[in-house]
Amino acid sequence: MKLLLVEDDLELSQVVTKILKHDNYDVDNAYDGSEALDYVKNYKYDAIIMDVMMPKMNGFDATKKMRALGIPTPILLLTAKSLTDDKVSGLDAGADDYLTKPFQMKELLARIRALLRRGNLVKSEGFGDFKLDPNTFEISHEDKSYRLTGKEYKLMELFIRNANIFLSTERILETIWEYDSDVDVSVVWVFISSLRKHLEKIGSNVTIKVSRGVGYRLEEK
């Protein structure tokens, strides 16, 4: 599951991001409402967690603009204000839920899970002629399937969500391995090679195109 965390407090953003990634969420970070808008115009997210009080554009206005653009992604607003009027303003702007600061991470995680269930977002995804099942970690085509490892699944999910975009080695390392100092860049090619073989095994007409110096992306043969 891919989340966008919009929080201008750098220290809080880093702490929350670390915990979300530990819970196997893929997380992008924005630090104001304007930057968040740029992200949602270019990437698909399963949920957005957004602070209200931010520079350039606050969470209320960013939520309104996202809804005006027709973006249906569930939004959880984080607010330091517990006044009823502020909560109502957030919901009226188009948010799906709100959480008052300071909050417990257990509650935040529970709210996120509830948003994802409410949006019925735990479903198969795919590209071309194959499907990726988030419940079984299997890729399938017609009557053939193959179960991916955790890292393979996260990498394939990343490709599907950015199907028309070349992903650089650095972007992949940052998202899947979080710049683990013990991971060599060559590991990316090892996993790319494995995914290409798995796609061949299930008879898919999709492969992962390599563009030297640019990156990788899914492509139909």
N, C-alpha and C. Protein backbone atom coordinates (compact mmCIF):
# COMPACT_ATOMS: atom_id res chain seq x y z
N MET A 1 0.83 -1.18 0.00
CA MET A 1 0.00 0.00 0.00
C MET A 1 0.88 1.26 0.00
N LYS A 2 0.53 2.20 -0.84
CA LYS A 2 1.34 3.41 -0.98
C LYS A 2 0.63 4.60 -0.31
N LEU A 3 1.34 5.28 0.60
CA LEU A 3 0.78 6.41 1.34
C LEU A 3 1.56 7.68 1.04
N LEU A 4 0.85 8.81 1.12
CA LEU A 4 1.49 10.12 1.05
C LEU A 4 1.34 10.76 2.41
N LEU A 5 2.48 11.07 3.05
CA LEU A 5 2.47 11.74 4.35
C LEU A 5 2.84 13.20 4.12
N VAL A 6 1.93 14.10 4.50
CA VAL A 6 2.14 15.53 4.31
C VAL A 6 2.26 16.18 5.69
N GLU A 7 3.47 16.51 6.09
CA GLU A 7 3.72 17.03 7.44
C GLU A 7 4.93 17.95 7.39
N ASP A 8 4.77 19.21 7.84
CA ASP A 8 5.86 20.18 7.75
C ASP A 8 6.86 20.07 8.90
N ASP A 9 6.50 19.36 9.95
CA ASP A 9 7.42 19.13 11.06
C ASP A 9 8.35 17.98 10.66
N LEU A 10 9.59 18.32 10.31
CA LEU A 10 10.52 17.33 9.75
C LEU A 10 10.76 16.17 10.71
N GLU A 11 10.95 16.46 11.99
CA GLU A 11 11.22 15.40 12.96
C GLU A 11 10.03 14.45 13.09
N LEU A 12 8.82 15.00 13.17
CA LEU A 12 7.63 14.17 13.26
C LEU A 12 7.44 13.36 12.00
N SER A 13 7.68 14.00 10.85
CA SER A 13 7.56 13.30 9.56
C SER A 13 8.49 12.10 9.50
N GLN A 14 9.73 12.27 9.96
CA GLN A 14 10.71 11.17 9.92
C GLN A 14 10.29 10.02 10.83
N VAL A 15 9.80 10.36 12.02
CA VAL A 15 9.38 9.32 12.98
C VAL A 15 8.20 8.54 12.44
N VAL A 16 7.18 9.25 11.96
CA VAL A 16 5.98 8.58 11.45
C VAL A 16 6.31 7.75 10.21
N THR A 17 7.14 8.30 9.34
CA THR A 17 7.53 7.56 8.13
C THR A 17 8.23 6.25 8.48
N LYS A 18 9.13 6.30 9.43
CA LYS A 18 9.87 5.10 9.83
C LYS A 18 8.92 4.02 10.34
N ILE A 19 7.94 4.41 11.13
CA ILE A 19 6.98 3.45 11.68
C ILE A 19 6.07 2.90 10.59
N LEU A 20 5.63 3.76 9.68
CA LEU A 20 4.77 3.30 8.58
C LEU A 20 5.51 2.31 7.69
N LYS A 21 6.78 2.59 7.41
CA LYS A 21 7.55 1.67 6.57
C LYS A 21 7.80 0.36 7.29
N HIS A 22 7.96 0.43 8.62
CA HIS A 22 8.13 -0.80 9.40
C HIS A 22 6.88 -1.66 9.30
N ASP A 23 5.71 -1.01 9.10
CA ASP A 23 4.45 -1.73 8.93
C ASP A 23 4.20 -2.08 7.45
N ASN A 24 5.26 -2.00 6.64
CA ASN A 24 5.23 -2.41 5.23
C ASN A 24 4.43 -1.49 4.33
N TYR A 25 4.29 -0.22 4.71
CA TYR A 25 3.69 0.76 3.81
C TYR A 25 4.80 1.42 3.00
N ASP A 26 4.50 1.73 1.75
CA ASP A 26 5.41 2.50 0.90
C ASP A 26 5.02 3.97 1.10
N VAL A 27 5.96 4.82 1.51
CA VAL A 27 5.61 6.19 1.91
C VAL A 27 6.39 7.24 1.10
N ASP A 28 5.64 8.22 0.56
CA ASP A 28 6.25 9.41 0.00
C ASP A 28 6.01 10.55 0.97
N ASN A 29 6.90 11.53 0.98
CA ASN A 29 6.78 12.64 1.92
C ASN A 29 6.66 13.98 1.20
N ALA A 30 5.70 14.79 1.65
CA ALA A 30 5.57 16.17 1.20
C ALA A 30 5.53 17.03 2.47
N TYR A 31 5.89 18.30 2.33
CA TYR A 31 6.03 19.14 3.51
C TYR A 31 5.14 20.39 3.51
N ASP A 32 4.28 20.50 2.51
CA ASP A 32 3.26 21.54 2.51
C ASP A 32 2.17 21.13 1.52
N GLY A 33 1.03 21.83 1.58
CA GLY A 33 -0.10 21.45 0.74
C GLY A 33 0.17 21.57 -0.74
N SER A 34 0.94 22.57 -1.13
CA SER A 34 1.25 22.76 -2.55
C SER A 34 2.07 21.61 -3.10
N GLU A 35 3.06 21.16 -2.32
CA GLU A 35 3.90 20.03 -2.74
C GLU A 35 3.06 18.76 -2.80
N ALA A 36 2.12 18.61 -1.86
CA ALA A 36 1.24 17.44 -1.85
C ALA A 36 0.42 17.37 -3.14
N LEU A 37 -0.06 18.51 -3.60
CA LEU A 37 -0.82 18.54 -4.85
C LEU A 37 0.00 18.05 -6.03
N ASP A 38 1.26 18.45 -6.07
CA ASP A 38 2.14 18.00 -7.15
C ASP A 38 2.29 16.48 -7.12
N TYR A 39 2.41 15.91 -5.92
CA TYR A 39 2.56 14.46 -5.79
C TYR A 39 1.31 13.73 -6.30
N VAL A 40 0.12 14.16 -5.86
CA VAL A 40 -1.09 13.42 -6.22
C VAL A 40 -1.44 13.56 -7.70
N LYS A 41 -0.90 14.58 -8.34
CA LYS A 41 -1.12 14.73 -9.79
C LYS A 41 -0.27 13.75 -10.59
N ASN A 42 0.81 13.27 -9.98
CA ASN A 42 1.76 12.43 -10.71
C ASN A 42 1.84 10.99 -10.23
N TYR A 43 1.33 10.72 -9.01
CA TYR A 43 1.41 9.37 -8.47
C TYR A 43 0.07 8.95 -7.87
N LYS A 44 -0.14 7.66 -7.82
CA LYS A 44 -1.36 7.11 -7.25
C LYS A 44 -1.09 6.66 -5.81
N TYR A 45 -1.99 7.04 -4.90
CA TYR A 45 -1.84 6.66 -3.50
C TYR A 45 -3.09 5.95 -2.99
N ASP A 46 -2.90 5.08 -2.00
CA ASP A 46 -4.02 4.39 -1.38
C ASP A 46 -4.65 5.23 -0.27
N ALA A 47 -3.85 6.10 0.34
CA ALA A 47 -4.36 7.00 1.38
C ALA A 47 -3.39 8.15 1.56
N ILE A 48 -3.92 9.28 2.05
CA ILE A 48 -3.11 10.47 2.30
C ILE A 48 -3.28 10.86 3.76
N ILE A 49 -2.17 11.05 4.47
CA ILE A 49 -2.20 11.53 5.85
C ILE A 49 -1.64 12.94 5.80
N MET A 50 -2.45 13.94 6.17
CA MET A 50 -2.06 15.33 5.94
C MET A 50 -2.31 16.22 7.15
N ASP A 51 -1.26 16.95 7.52
CA ASP A 51 -1.39 17.93 8.59
C ASP A 51 -2.24 19.10 8.10
N VAL A 52 -2.89 19.79 9.03
CA VAL A 52 -3.72 20.94 8.66
C VAL A 52 -2.91 22.23 8.61
N MET A 53 -2.15 22.51 9.66
CA MET A 53 -1.40 23.76 9.75
C MET A 53 -0.05 23.62 9.06
N MET A 54 0.03 24.11 7.81
CA MET A 54 1.26 24.01 7.03
C MET A 54 1.50 25.30 6.27
N PRO A 55 2.75 25.56 5.87
CA PRO A 55 3.05 26.76 5.07
C PRO A 55 2.57 26.59 3.63
N LYS A 56 2.51 27.69 2.91
CA LYS A 56 2.13 27.75 1.48
C LYS A 56 0.66 27.40 1.26
N MET A 57 0.23 26.23 1.73
CA MET A 57 -1.17 25.84 1.58
C MET A 57 -1.53 24.91 2.72
N ASN A 58 -2.58 25.23 3.47
CA ASN A 58 -2.95 24.38 4.61
C ASN A 58 -3.68 23.12 4.16
N GLY A 59 -3.89 22.22 5.10
CA GLY A 59 -4.50 20.93 4.78
C GLY A 59 -5.93 21.03 4.29
N PHE A 60 -6.69 21.99 4.81
CA PHE A 60 -8.07 22.19 4.36
C PHE A 60 -8.11 22.55 2.88
N ASP A 61 -7.30 23.55 2.50
CA ASP A 61 -7.30 24.01 1.12
C ASP A 61 -6.75 22.94 0.17
N ALA A 62 -5.71 22.22 0.63
CA ALA A 62 -5.14 21.17 -0.21
C ALA A 62 -6.18 20.06 -0.45
N THR A 63 -6.94 19.73 0.59
CA THR A 63 -7.99 18.71 0.46
C THR A 63 -9.05 19.15 -0.54
N LYS A 64 -9.48 20.41 -0.43
CA LYS A 64 -10.49 20.94 -1.35
C LYS A 64 -10.01 20.87 -2.80
N LYS A 65 -8.75 21.24 -3.02
CA LYS A 65 -8.21 21.23 -4.38
C LYS A 65 -8.09 19.81 -4.93
N MET A 66 -7.71 18.86 -4.06
CA MET A 66 -7.62 17.47 -4.50
C MET A 66 -8.98 16.95 -4.93
N ARG A 67 -9.99 17.27 -4.14
CA ARG A 67 -11.35 16.82 -4.48
C ARG A 67 -11.85 17.50 -5.75
N ALA A 68 -11.49 18.77 -5.92
CA ALA A 68 -11.89 19.50 -7.12
C ALA A 68 -11.25 18.90 -8.38
N LEU A 69 -10.08 18.30 -8.19
CA LEU A 69 -9.39 17.64 -9.30
C LEU A 69 -9.94 16.24 -9.57
N GLY A 70 -10.88 15.81 -8.73
CA GLY A 70 -11.48 14.49 -8.90
C GLY A 70 -10.65 13.38 -8.31
N ILE A 71 -9.75 13.71 -7.39
CA ILE A 71 -8.91 12.69 -6.75
C ILE A 71 -9.68 12.09 -5.57
N PRO A 72 -10.04 10.79 -5.62
CA PRO A 72 -10.88 10.17 -4.60
C PRO A 72 -10.12 9.55 -3.43
N THR A 73 -8.80 9.63 -3.44
CA THR A 73 -7.98 8.97 -2.42
C THR A 73 -8.43 9.35 -1.00
N PRO A 74 -8.61 8.37 -0.11
CA PRO A 74 -8.99 8.68 1.27
C PRO A 74 -7.97 9.59 1.94
N ILE A 75 -8.46 10.61 2.67
CA ILE A 75 -7.58 11.58 3.32
C ILE A 75 -7.86 11.60 4.83
N LEU A 76 -6.79 11.46 5.60
CA LEU A 76 -6.85 11.59 7.05
C LEU A 76 -6.12 12.87 7.43
N LEU A 77 -6.85 13.82 8.04
CA LEU A 77 -6.24 15.08 8.45
C LEU A 77 -5.71 15.00 9.88
N LEU A 78 -4.53 15.56 10.08
CA LEU A 78 -3.94 15.64 11.41
C LEU A 78 -4.04 17.09 11.87
N THR A 79 -4.67 17.33 13.00
CA THR A 79 -4.85 18.70 13.47
C THR A 79 -4.50 18.85 14.94
N ALA A 80 -3.89 19.98 15.26
CA ALA A 80 -3.57 20.27 16.65
C ALA A 80 -4.77 20.87 17.36
N LYS A 81 -5.82 21.13 16.60
CA LYS A 81 -7.02 21.73 17.15
C LYS A 81 -8.10 20.67 17.34
N SER A 82 -8.72 20.67 18.51
CA SER A 82 -9.77 19.69 18.79
C SER A 82 -11.15 20.32 18.74
N LEU A 83 -11.22 21.59 18.32
CA LEU A 83 -12.51 22.26 18.26
C LEU A 83 -13.40 21.60 17.21
N THR A 84 -14.68 21.47 17.54
CA THR A 84 -15.64 20.83 16.65
C THR A 84 -15.68 21.52 15.29
N ASP A 85 -15.64 22.86 15.28
CA ASP A 85 -15.71 23.60 14.02
C ASP A 85 -14.56 23.23 13.08
N ASP A 86 -13.38 23.00 13.64
CA ASP A 86 -12.23 22.64 12.81
C ASP A 86 -12.40 21.24 12.23
N LYS A 87 -12.95 20.34 13.02
CA LYS A 87 -13.19 18.99 12.54
C LYS A 87 -14.23 18.99 11.43
N VAL A 88 -15.27 19.77 11.64
CA VAL A 88 -16.33 19.89 10.63
C VAL A 88 -15.77 20.50 9.34
N SER A 89 -14.92 21.51 9.49
CA SER A 89 -14.31 22.15 8.32
C SER A 89 -13.50 21.14 7.51
N GLY A 90 -12.78 20.27 8.22
CA GLY A 90 -11.99 19.25 7.53
C GLY A 90 -12.86 18.27 6.77
N LEU A 91 -13.91 17.80 7.39
CA LEU A 91 -14.81 16.85 6.74
C LEU A 91 -15.54 17.50 5.58
N ASP A 92 -15.95 18.77 5.77
CA ASP A 92 -16.63 19.49 4.69
C ASP A 92 -15.71 19.74 3.51
N ALA A 93 -14.41 19.85 3.79
CA ALA A 93 -13.44 20.07 2.71
C ALA A 93 -13.27 18.82 1.85
N GLY A 94 -13.68 17.66 2.41
CA GLY A 94 -13.57 16.42 1.64
C GLY A 94 -12.74 15.35 2.30
N ALA A 95 -12.26 15.62 3.53
CA ALA A 95 -11.48 14.61 4.25
C ALA A 95 -12.39 13.47 4.69
N ASP A 96 -11.80 12.29 4.86
CA ASP A 96 -12.56 11.12 5.28
C ASP A 96 -12.51 10.90 6.78
N ASP A 97 -11.47 11.43 7.42
CA ASP A 97 -11.32 11.24 8.86
C ASP A 97 -10.33 12.28 9.38
N TYR A 98 -10.25 12.42 10.69
CA TYR A 98 -9.31 13.35 11.30
C TYR A 98 -8.76 12.75 12.57
N LEU A 99 -7.59 13.20 12.96
CA LEU A 99 -6.96 12.73 14.19
C LEU A 99 -6.28 13.93 14.84
N THR A 100 -6.57 14.14 16.13
CA THR A 100 -6.04 15.30 16.84
C THR A 100 -4.65 15.02 17.40
N LYS A 101 -3.74 15.96 17.20
CA LYS A 101 -2.40 15.88 17.78
C LYS A 101 -2.45 16.30 19.25
N PRO A 102 -1.59 15.75 20.11
CA PRO A 102 -0.70 14.60 19.86
C PRO A 102 -1.50 13.31 19.80
N PHE A 103 -1.00 12.34 19.04
CA PHE A 103 -1.72 11.09 18.89
C PHE A 103 -0.78 9.91 19.15
N GLN A 104 -1.37 8.77 19.43
CA GLN A 104 -0.62 7.53 19.60
C GLN A 104 -0.47 6.86 18.23
N MET A 105 0.71 6.33 17.94
CA MET A 105 0.92 5.70 16.64
C MET A 105 -0.03 4.53 16.42
N LYS A 106 -0.37 3.82 17.48
CA LYS A 106 -1.30 2.70 17.34
C LYS A 106 -2.63 3.17 16.79
N GLU A 107 -3.07 4.35 17.26
CA GLU A 107 -4.35 4.88 16.77
C GLU A 107 -4.22 5.33 15.32
N LEU A 108 -3.10 5.98 14.98
CA LEU A 108 -2.90 6.39 13.60
C LEU A 108 -2.93 5.20 12.66
N LEU A 109 -2.23 4.13 13.03
CA LEU A 109 -2.20 2.93 12.20
C LEU A 109 -3.59 2.32 12.06
N ALA A 110 -4.36 2.34 13.15
CA ALA A 110 -5.72 1.81 13.11
C ALA A 110 -6.59 2.65 12.19
N ARG A 111 -6.44 3.98 12.25
CA ARG A 111 -7.22 4.87 11.39
C ARG A 111 -6.88 4.63 9.92
N ILE A 112 -5.60 4.41 9.64
CA ILE A 112 -5.18 4.15 8.26
C ILE A 112 -5.80 2.85 7.76
N ARG A 113 -5.74 1.80 8.58
CA ARG A 113 -6.33 0.53 8.18
C ARG A 113 -7.82 0.67 7.91
N ALA A 114 -8.48 1.46 8.75
CA ALA A 114 -9.92 1.68 8.58
C ALA A 114 -10.20 2.40 7.27
N LEU A 115 -9.37 3.39 6.94
CA LEU A 115 -9.54 4.11 5.68
C LEU A 115 -9.39 3.18 4.48
N LEU A 116 -8.38 2.33 4.55
CA LEU A 116 -8.12 1.41 3.44
C LEU A 116 -9.26 0.40 3.29
N ARG A 117 -9.79 -0.07 4.42
CA ARG A 117 -10.92 -1.00 4.34
C ARG A 117 -12.15 -0.30 3.79
N ARG A 118 -12.37 0.93 4.27
CA ARG A 118 -13.55 1.69 3.85
C ARG A 118 -13.52 1.95 2.36
N GLY A 119 -12.30 2.18 1.85
CA GLY A 119 -12.17 2.45 0.43
C GLY A 119 -12.11 1.19 -0.41
N ASN A 120 -12.16 0.03 0.26
CA ASN A 120 -12.11 -1.26 -0.44
C ASN A 120 -10.93 -1.32 -1.39
N LEU A 121 -9.76 -0.91 -0.85
CA LEU A 121 -8.59 -0.80 -1.70
C LEU A 121 -7.69 -2.03 -1.69
N VAL A 122 -8.01 -3.01 -0.85
CA VAL A 122 -7.20 -4.22 -0.84
C VAL A 122 -7.72 -5.14 -1.94
N LYS A 123 -7.26 -4.92 -3.14
CA LYS A 123 -7.74 -5.68 -4.28
C LYS A 123 -6.59 -5.91 -5.24
N SER A 124 -6.83 -6.78 -6.18
CA SER A 124 -5.78 -7.09 -7.13
C SER A 124 -5.49 -5.90 -8.03
N GLU A 125 -4.22 -5.75 -8.37
CA GLU A 125 -3.80 -4.73 -9.33
C GLU A 125 -3.14 -5.48 -10.48
N GLY A 126 -2.82 -4.76 -11.50
CA GLY A 126 -2.16 -5.44 -12.60
C GLY A 126 -1.71 -4.47 -13.66
N PHE A 127 -1.08 -5.04 -14.68
CA PHE A 127 -0.62 -4.26 -15.82
C PHE A 127 -0.63 -5.20 -17.01
N GLY A 128 -1.11 -4.71 -18.15
CA GLY A 128 -1.15 -5.58 -19.31
C GLY A 128 -2.05 -6.78 -19.06
N ASP A 129 -1.50 -7.99 -19.20
CA ASP A 129 -2.32 -9.19 -19.07
C ASP A 129 -2.11 -9.94 -17.75
N PHE A 130 -1.39 -9.35 -16.79
CA PHE A 130 -1.20 -10.08 -15.52
C PHE A 130 -1.79 -9.32 -14.35
N LYS A 131 -2.05 -10.05 -13.26
CA LYS A 131 -2.61 -9.47 -12.04
C LYS A 131 -1.63 -9.70 -10.88
N LEU A 132 -1.68 -8.78 -9.92
CA LEU A 132 -0.87 -8.89 -8.71
C LEU A 132 -1.84 -8.88 -7.53
N ASP A 133 -1.84 -9.96 -6.74
CA ASP A 133 -2.76 -10.08 -5.62
C ASP A 133 -2.06 -9.71 -4.31
N PRO A 134 -2.52 -8.62 -3.63
CA PRO A 134 -1.87 -8.19 -2.39
C PRO A 134 -2.13 -9.11 -1.21
N ASN A 135 -3.10 -10.00 -1.34
CA ASN A 135 -3.42 -10.92 -0.25
C ASN A 135 -2.54 -12.17 -0.28
N THR A 136 -2.16 -12.61 -1.49
CA THR A 136 -1.37 -13.83 -1.63
C THR A 136 0.05 -13.57 -2.14
N PHE A 137 0.33 -12.33 -2.58
CA PHE A 137 1.62 -11.96 -3.16
C PHE A 137 1.87 -12.70 -4.47
N GLU A 138 0.80 -13.11 -5.15
CA GLU A 138 0.95 -13.86 -6.40
C GLU A 138 0.74 -12.97 -7.61
N ILE A 139 1.56 -13.22 -8.65
CA ILE A 139 1.28 -12.65 -9.96
C ILE A 139 0.65 -13.78 -10.77
N SER A 140 -0.32 -13.46 -11.59
CA SER A 140 -1.02 -14.51 -12.34
C SER A 140 -1.42 -14.04 -13.73
N HIS A 141 -1.47 -15.01 -14.61
CA HIS A 141 -1.94 -14.79 -15.98
C HIS A 141 -2.66 -16.05 -16.41
N GLU A 142 -3.95 -15.89 -16.74
CA GLU A 142 -4.80 -17.03 -17.08
C GLU A 142 -4.76 -18.06 -15.95
N ASP A 143 -4.29 -19.28 -16.21
CA ASP A 143 -4.32 -20.31 -15.17
C ASP A 143 -2.96 -20.51 -14.50
N LYS A 144 -2.00 -19.64 -14.78
CA LYS A 144 -0.67 -19.77 -14.19
C LYS A 144 -0.43 -18.66 -13.19
N SER A 145 0.26 -19.00 -12.08
CA SER A 145 0.57 -17.99 -11.07
C SER A 145 1.92 -18.31 -10.43
N TYR A 146 2.48 -17.28 -9.78
CA TYR A 146 3.75 -17.45 -9.10
C TYR A 146 3.75 -16.56 -7.87
N ARG A 147 4.14 -17.12 -6.71
CA ARG A 147 4.15 -16.35 -5.48
C ARG A 147 5.48 -15.63 -5.32
N LEU A 148 5.41 -14.31 -5.17
CA LEU A 148 6.60 -13.49 -5.03
C LEU A 148 7.07 -13.41 -3.58
N THR A 149 8.33 -13.12 -3.40
CA THR A 149 8.84 -12.84 -2.06
C THR A 149 8.37 -11.42 -1.65
N GLY A 150 8.56 -11.06 -0.40
CA GLY A 150 8.13 -9.75 0.06
C GLY A 150 8.74 -8.60 -0.73
N LYS A 151 10.06 -8.66 -0.95
CA LYS A 151 10.74 -7.60 -1.69
C LYS A 151 10.30 -7.60 -3.16
N GLU A 152 10.14 -8.78 -3.75
CA GLU A 152 9.69 -8.87 -5.14
C GLU A 152 8.30 -8.25 -5.29
N TYR A 153 7.44 -8.54 -4.32
CA TYR A 153 6.08 -7.99 -4.36
C TYR A 153 6.12 -6.47 -4.30
N LYS A 154 6.88 -5.91 -3.36
CA LYS A 154 6.95 -4.46 -3.21
C LYS A 154 7.51 -3.81 -4.47
N LEU A 155 8.49 -4.47 -5.10
CA LEU A 155 9.07 -3.93 -6.32
C LEU A 155 8.06 -3.97 -7.46
N MET A 156 7.35 -5.08 -7.61
CA MET A 156 6.36 -5.18 -8.67
C MET A 156 5.23 -4.17 -8.45
N GLU A 157 4.81 -4.01 -7.20
CA GLU A 157 3.77 -3.03 -6.88
C GLU A 157 4.24 -1.62 -7.25
N LEU A 158 5.50 -1.33 -6.99
CA LEU A 158 6.07 -0.03 -7.33
C LEU A 158 6.03 0.19 -8.84
N PHE A 159 6.37 -0.84 -9.61
CA PHE A 159 6.34 -0.72 -11.06
C PHE A 159 4.91 -0.50 -11.57
N ILE A 160 3.95 -1.24 -11.02
CA ILE A 160 2.57 -1.11 -11.48
C ILE A 160 2.05 0.29 -11.22
N ARG A 161 2.36 0.83 -10.06
CA ARG A 161 1.86 2.16 -9.69
C ARG A 161 2.56 3.28 -10.45
N ASN A 162 3.66 2.94 -11.09
CA ASN A 162 4.38 3.93 -11.90
C ASN A 162 4.63 3.36 -13.29
N ALA A 163 3.58 2.73 -13.84
CA ALA A 163 3.72 1.94 -15.06
C ALA A 163 4.24 2.73 -16.26
N ASN A 164 3.97 4.00 -16.34
CA ASN A 164 4.41 4.78 -17.50
C ASN A 164 5.62 5.65 -17.20
N ILE A 165 6.27 5.35 -16.08
CA ILE A 165 7.41 6.16 -15.65
C ILE A 165 8.64 5.28 -15.46
N PHE A 166 9.78 5.74 -15.99
CA PHE A 166 11.03 5.04 -15.73
C PHE A 166 11.45 5.29 -14.29
N LEU A 167 11.75 4.22 -13.57
CA LEU A 167 12.21 4.32 -12.18
C LEU A 167 13.71 4.13 -12.14
N SER A 168 14.41 5.08 -11.56
CA SER A 168 15.86 4.99 -11.47
C SER A 168 16.27 3.98 -10.40
N THR A 169 17.50 3.52 -10.47
CA THR A 169 18.02 2.61 -9.45
C THR A 169 17.94 3.26 -8.07
N GLU A 170 18.25 4.56 -8.01
CA GLU A 170 18.21 5.28 -6.74
C GLU A 170 16.80 5.31 -6.15
N ARG A 171 15.82 5.56 -7.02
CA ARG A 171 14.42 5.60 -6.57
C ARG A 171 14.00 4.24 -6.02
N ILE A 172 14.40 3.18 -6.70
CA ILE A 172 14.04 1.83 -6.26
C ILE A 172 14.71 1.51 -4.93
N LEU A 173 15.99 1.83 -4.81
CA LEU A 173 16.70 1.57 -3.55
C LEU A 173 16.06 2.34 -2.40
N GLU A 174 15.71 3.59 -2.66
CA GLU A 174 15.13 4.43 -1.61
C GLU A 174 13.79 3.86 -1.15
N THR A 175 12.98 3.37 -2.09
CA THR A 175 11.64 2.89 -1.76
C THR A 175 11.65 1.49 -1.16
N ILE A 176 12.40 0.59 -1.75
CA ILE A 176 12.36 -0.82 -1.34
C ILE A 176 13.36 -1.13 -0.23
N TRP A 177 14.55 -0.59 -0.34
CA TRP A 177 15.59 -0.90 0.66
C TRP A 177 15.89 0.27 1.59
N GLU A 178 15.27 1.42 1.34
CA GLU A 178 15.42 2.61 2.19
C GLU A 178 16.89 2.98 2.38
N TYR A 179 17.65 2.87 1.32
CA TYR A 179 19.07 3.22 1.32
C TYR A 179 19.83 2.47 2.40
N ASP A 180 19.51 1.18 2.58
CA ASP A 180 20.26 0.32 3.49
C ASP A 180 21.72 0.33 3.06
N SER A 181 22.60 0.72 3.97
CA SER A 181 24.02 0.87 3.62
C SER A 181 24.68 -0.44 3.22
N ASP A 182 24.06 -1.56 3.58
CA ASP A 182 24.64 -2.86 3.25
C ASP A 182 24.20 -3.38 1.88
N VAL A 183 23.29 -2.64 1.22
CA VAL A 183 22.75 -3.09 -0.06
C VAL A 183 23.54 -2.46 -1.21
N ASP A 184 24.06 -3.32 -2.08
CA ASP A 184 24.79 -2.85 -3.26
C ASP A 184 23.79 -2.55 -4.37
N VAL A 185 24.08 -1.57 -5.21
CA VAL A 185 23.16 -1.19 -6.28
C VAL A 185 22.89 -2.36 -7.23
N SER A 186 23.80 -3.31 -7.31
CA SER A 186 23.62 -4.44 -8.22
C SER A 186 22.44 -5.32 -7.81
N VAL A 187 22.00 -5.21 -6.54
CA VAL A 187 20.89 -6.03 -6.08
C VAL A 187 19.61 -5.68 -6.83
N VAL A 188 19.52 -4.41 -7.28
CA VAL A 188 18.33 -4.00 -8.03
C VAL A 188 18.20 -4.82 -9.31
N TRP A 189 19.31 -4.98 -10.03
CA TRP A 189 19.25 -5.75 -11.27
C TRP A 189 18.93 -7.21 -10.99
N VAL A 190 19.43 -7.75 -9.88
CA VAL A 190 19.13 -9.14 -9.52
C VAL A 190 17.62 -9.33 -9.37
N PHE A 191 16.95 -8.39 -8.68
CA PHE A 191 15.51 -8.50 -8.48
C PHE A 191 14.74 -8.22 -9.78
N ILE A 192 15.23 -7.29 -10.60
CA ILE A 192 14.60 -7.03 -11.90
C ILE A 192 14.64 -8.29 -12.75
N SER A 193 15.80 -8.93 -12.77
CA SER A 193 15.97 -10.16 -13.55
C SER A 193 15.02 -11.26 -13.07
N SER A 194 14.86 -11.38 -11.75
CA SER A 194 13.95 -12.39 -11.20
C SER A 194 12.52 -12.12 -11.61
N LEU A 195 12.09 -10.86 -11.53
CA LEU A 195 10.72 -10.52 -11.90
C LEU A 195 10.46 -10.79 -13.38
N ARG A 196 11.44 -10.51 -14.21
CA ARG A 196 11.28 -10.77 -15.64
C ARG A 196 11.10 -12.27 -15.90
N LYS A 197 11.85 -13.09 -15.16
CA LYS A 197 11.72 -14.54 -15.31
C LYS A 197 10.37 -15.03 -14.82
N HIS A 198 9.88 -14.46 -13.72
CA HIS A 198 8.57 -14.86 -13.19
C HIS A 198 7.46 -14.52 -14.19
N LEU A 199 7.57 -13.36 -14.83
CA LEU A 199 6.58 -12.96 -15.83
C LEU A 199 6.60 -13.93 -17.02
N GLU A 200 7.77 -14.36 -17.40
CA GLU A 200 7.90 -15.34 -18.49
C GLU A 200 7.27 -16.67 -18.09
N LYS A 201 7.48 -17.09 -16.83
CA LYS A 201 6.96 -18.38 -16.36
C LYS A 201 5.44 -18.44 -16.41
N ILE A 202 4.78 -17.32 -16.15
CA ILE A 202 3.31 -17.35 -16.16
C ILE A 202 2.75 -17.03 -17.55
N GLY A 203 3.65 -16.83 -18.51
CA GLY A 203 3.21 -16.61 -19.89
C GLY A 203 2.72 -15.21 -20.18
N SER A 204 3.13 -14.24 -19.39
CA SER A 204 2.69 -12.86 -19.60
C SER A 204 3.43 -12.23 -20.77
N ASN A 205 2.76 -11.29 -21.45
CA ASN A 205 3.42 -10.57 -22.53
C ASN A 205 4.05 -9.27 -22.03
N VAL A 206 4.15 -9.14 -20.72
CA VAL A 206 4.74 -7.95 -20.10
C VAL A 206 6.18 -8.24 -19.68
N THR A 207 7.04 -7.28 -19.86
CA THR A 207 8.41 -7.41 -19.40
C THR A 207 8.82 -6.10 -18.72
N ILE A 208 10.02 -6.06 -18.19
CA ILE A 208 10.54 -4.84 -17.58
C ILE A 208 11.62 -4.30 -18.49
N LYS A 209 11.34 -3.14 -19.08
CA LYS A 209 12.27 -2.53 -20.03
C LYS A 209 13.40 -1.84 -19.27
N VAL A 210 14.59 -2.01 -19.78
CA VAL A 210 15.76 -1.37 -19.19
C VAL A 210 16.27 -0.29 -20.14
N SER A 211 16.46 0.91 -19.64
CA SER A 211 17.02 1.99 -20.42
C SER A 211 18.28 2.46 -19.71
N ARG A 212 19.42 2.20 -20.31
CA ARG A 212 20.70 2.50 -19.67
C ARG A 212 20.80 3.98 -19.29
N GLY A 213 21.14 4.23 -18.03
CA GLY A 213 21.29 5.59 -17.56
C GLY A 213 19.99 6.27 -17.19
N VAL A 214 18.85 5.58 -17.45
CA VAL A 214 17.54 6.17 -17.16
C VAL A 214 16.83 5.38 -16.07
N GLY A 215 16.64 4.08 -16.30
CA GLY A 215 15.98 3.26 -15.29
C GLY A 215 15.19 2.11 -15.88
N TYR A 216 14.11 1.73 -15.20
CA TYR A 216 13.32 0.56 -15.56
C TYR A 216 11.83 0.91 -15.52
N ARG A 217 11.06 0.22 -16.38
CA ARG A 217 9.61 0.38 -16.33
C ARG A 217 8.93 -0.85 -16.95
N LEU A 218 7.68 -1.07 -16.56
CA LEU A 218 6.91 -2.17 -17.15
C LEU A 218 6.54 -1.80 -18.58
N GLU A 219 6.54 -2.82 -19.44
CA GLU A 219 6.22 -2.57 -20.84
C GLU A 219 5.67 -3.85 -21.47
N GLU A 220 4.64 -3.72 -22.29
CA GLU A 220 4.11 -4.89 -23.00
C GLU A 220 4.97 -5.16 -24.23
N LYS A 221 5.22 -6.44 -24.46
CA LYS A 221 6.08 -6.81 -25.59
C LYS A 221 5.39 -6.49 -26.91
